[in-house]
Amino acid sequence: MKPLAALLAGLLFGFGLVLSGMAEPANVLAFLDITGDWNPALAATMAAAIAVLAPASYYARRNPVAGPALAPGRIDPPLVAGAVVFGVGWGLAGICPGPGLLLLTTLAPGAFVFVAAMVAGWLIGGRIRGVSSPR
C-alpha cells in the first residue's frame, strides 16, 4: 500500500509542478531575478503549497503513525551546508530535484546532466557523512 501511496503522491506533485509552470527552469530563474524582469508566480505557488501543507502537517504531528517523521530536528552544520549547496544549485540551474526528475521525461540533455550531478552530490554527501546509502 505504501508504494501505491508514494506513486500517487509523486504523480500529484509532478502534476502540480507542470500546472504551476515550476517545471520550467526559466520561470524559477525569473522569480530569482529580483533586479530584472521579476516573475512572482513562484511565490504564489509556494503560498498555495503552504496553505495545503500547514493543516496536513498539523494533523501529521498529532498522528502517532506520521508524527515522529515530521518532528522538527536539530539545525546542525551539515543541514546548513546542504541548504546552501541546494540553494546555489537551484539559483544557477533553476531546477530542484522534483522538477529535475520530471524534466527527465522530456529527454532534455540538461535534465540528465542535472540529475547525474544531483545523484553524484547525494552519493558524495553520504560518503562524507559516513552513510552507506543516501536517505
Protein backbone atom coordinates (compact mmCIF):
# COMPACT_ATOMS: atom_id res chain seq x y z
CA MET A 1 0.00 0.00 0.00
CA LYS A 2 2.88 2.41 0.76
CA PRO A 3 4.34 2.15 -2.77
CA LEU A 4 0.94 2.99 -4.26
CA ALA A 5 0.55 5.98 -1.93
CA ALA A 6 4.08 7.13 -2.85
CA LEU A 7 3.32 6.77 -6.55
CA LEU A 8 0.08 8.74 -6.25
CA ALA A 9 1.80 11.46 -4.19
CA GLY A 10 4.59 11.69 -6.77
CA LEU A 11 2.12 11.92 -9.65
CA LEU A 12 0.16 14.62 -7.85
CA PHE A 13 3.39 16.53 -7.11
CA GLY A 14 4.51 16.25 -10.74
CA PHE A 15 1.11 17.39 -11.98
CA GLY A 16 1.28 20.39 -9.64
CA LEU A 17 4.75 21.31 -10.95
CA VAL A 18 3.57 21.18 -14.54
CA LEU A 19 0.31 23.02 -13.81
CA SER A 20 2.10 25.82 -11.92
CA GLY A 21 4.83 26.13 -14.55
CA MET A 22 7.52 25.44 -11.97
CA ALA A 23 8.92 22.55 -14.01
CA GLU A 24 10.25 25.22 -16.38
CA PRO A 25 13.65 26.48 -15.21
CA ALA A 26 13.00 29.84 -16.92
CA ASN A 27 10.07 30.51 -14.55
CA VAL A 28 12.17 29.73 -11.48
CA LEU A 29 15.06 31.88 -12.73
CA ALA A 30 12.63 34.73 -13.46
CA PHE A 31 11.45 34.53 -9.83
CA LEU A 32 15.04 34.68 -8.57
CA ASP A 33 15.84 37.67 -10.83
CA ILE A 34 14.66 40.37 -8.41
CA THR A 35 16.63 43.13 -10.12
CA GLY A 36 15.45 42.30 -13.64
CA ASP A 37 12.20 41.00 -15.09
CA TRP A 38 10.88 39.52 -11.82
CA ASN A 39 8.07 36.97 -12.03
CA PRO A 40 6.19 36.44 -8.72
CA ALA A 41 4.48 33.21 -9.87
CA LEU A 42 6.72 31.01 -7.71
CA ALA A 43 5.73 32.99 -4.60
CA ALA A 44 2.06 32.25 -5.34
CA THR A 45 2.90 28.58 -5.87
CA MET A 46 4.77 28.47 -2.55
CA ALA A 47 1.89 30.19 -0.74
CA ALA A 48 -0.58 27.65 -2.15
CA ALA A 49 1.71 24.78 -1.13
CA ILE A 50 2.00 26.15 2.41
CA ALA A 51 -1.79 26.52 2.60
CA VAL A 52 -2.13 22.83 1.77
CA LEU A 53 0.81 21.64 3.87
CA ALA A 54 0.02 23.55 7.07
CA PRO A 55 -3.18 21.67 8.02
CA ALA A 56 -1.72 18.35 6.86
CA SER A 57 1.42 18.95 8.93
CA TYR A 58 -0.68 19.92 11.95
CA TYR A 59 -2.60 16.64 11.64
CA ALA A 60 0.51 14.53 10.99
CA ARG A 61 2.34 15.86 14.05
CA ARG A 62 -0.54 14.69 16.22
CA ASN A 63 -0.95 11.35 14.46
CA PRO A 64 1.15 8.69 16.21
CA VAL A 65 1.98 6.98 12.91
CA ALA A 66 3.16 10.00 10.90
CA GLY A 67 4.08 12.43 13.68
CA PRO A 68 7.63 11.35 14.55
CA ALA A 69 8.77 11.55 10.93
CA LEU A 70 7.74 15.20 10.79
CA ALA A 71 9.10 16.22 14.19
CA PRO A 72 11.44 19.20 13.99
CA GLY A 73 15.10 18.27 14.20
CA ARG A 74 18.31 19.99 15.09
CA ILE A 75 19.80 22.64 12.88
CA ASP A 76 23.39 21.48 12.53
CA PRO A 77 26.28 22.36 10.19
CA PRO A 78 25.55 19.54 7.68
CA LEU A 79 21.94 20.75 7.38
CA VAL A 80 23.06 24.34 6.81
CA ALA A 81 25.74 23.26 4.31
CA GLY A 82 23.21 21.15 2.43
CA ALA A 83 20.75 24.04 2.33
CA VAL A 84 23.43 26.37 0.96
CA VAL A 85 24.51 23.89 -1.72
CA PHE A 86 20.86 23.27 -2.65
CA GLY A 87 20.16 27.00 -2.89
CA VAL A 88 23.22 27.73 -5.00
CA GLY A 89 22.42 24.85 -7.36
CA TRP A 90 18.79 25.93 -7.60
CA GLY A 91 19.80 29.51 -8.34
CA LEU A 92 22.33 28.50 -11.00
CA ALA A 93 20.22 25.89 -12.79
CA GLY A 94 16.66 26.98 -11.99
CA ILE A 95 15.92 23.34 -11.23
CA CYS A 96 15.49 21.48 -7.95
CA PRO A 97 15.18 17.70 -7.51
CA GLY A 98 11.44 17.34 -8.15
CA PRO A 99 11.36 19.26 -11.43
CA GLY A 100 14.72 17.73 -12.36
CA LEU A 101 13.22 14.26 -12.27
CA LEU A 102 10.12 15.47 -14.08
CA LEU A 103 12.27 17.03 -16.82
CA LEU A 104 13.84 13.61 -17.47
CA THR A 105 10.57 12.69 -19.17
CA THR A 106 11.28 15.36 -21.81
CA LEU A 107 14.61 13.67 -22.65
CA ALA A 108 16.31 17.08 -22.50
CA PRO A 109 20.10 16.64 -22.21
CA GLY A 110 20.28 19.28 -19.48
CA ALA A 111 17.89 17.27 -17.33
CA PHE A 112 20.18 14.25 -17.50
CA VAL A 113 23.21 16.38 -16.59
CA PHE A 114 21.31 17.91 -13.66
CA VAL A 115 20.08 14.56 -12.31
CA ALA A 116 23.53 12.98 -12.72
CA ALA A 117 25.08 15.88 -10.77
CA MET A 118 22.34 15.60 -8.14
CA VAL A 119 22.95 11.87 -7.67
CA ALA A 120 26.72 12.43 -7.54
CA GLY A 121 26.26 15.07 -4.85
CA TRP A 122 23.92 12.77 -2.96
CA LEU A 123 26.48 9.96 -3.01
CA ILE A 124 29.41 12.23 -2.13
CA GLY A 125 27.42 13.76 0.73
CA GLY A 126 26.61 10.29 2.02
CA ARG A 127 30.29 9.32 1.94
CA ILE A 128 31.29 12.50 3.76
CA ARG A 129 28.73 11.83 6.47
CA GLY A 130 29.66 8.13 6.61
CA VAL A 131 26.26 6.98 5.44
CA SER A 132 26.30 3.90 3.23
CA SER A 133 23.21 4.87 1.25
CA PRO A 134 21.59 8.31 0.84
CA ARG A 135 18.41 8.97 2.76
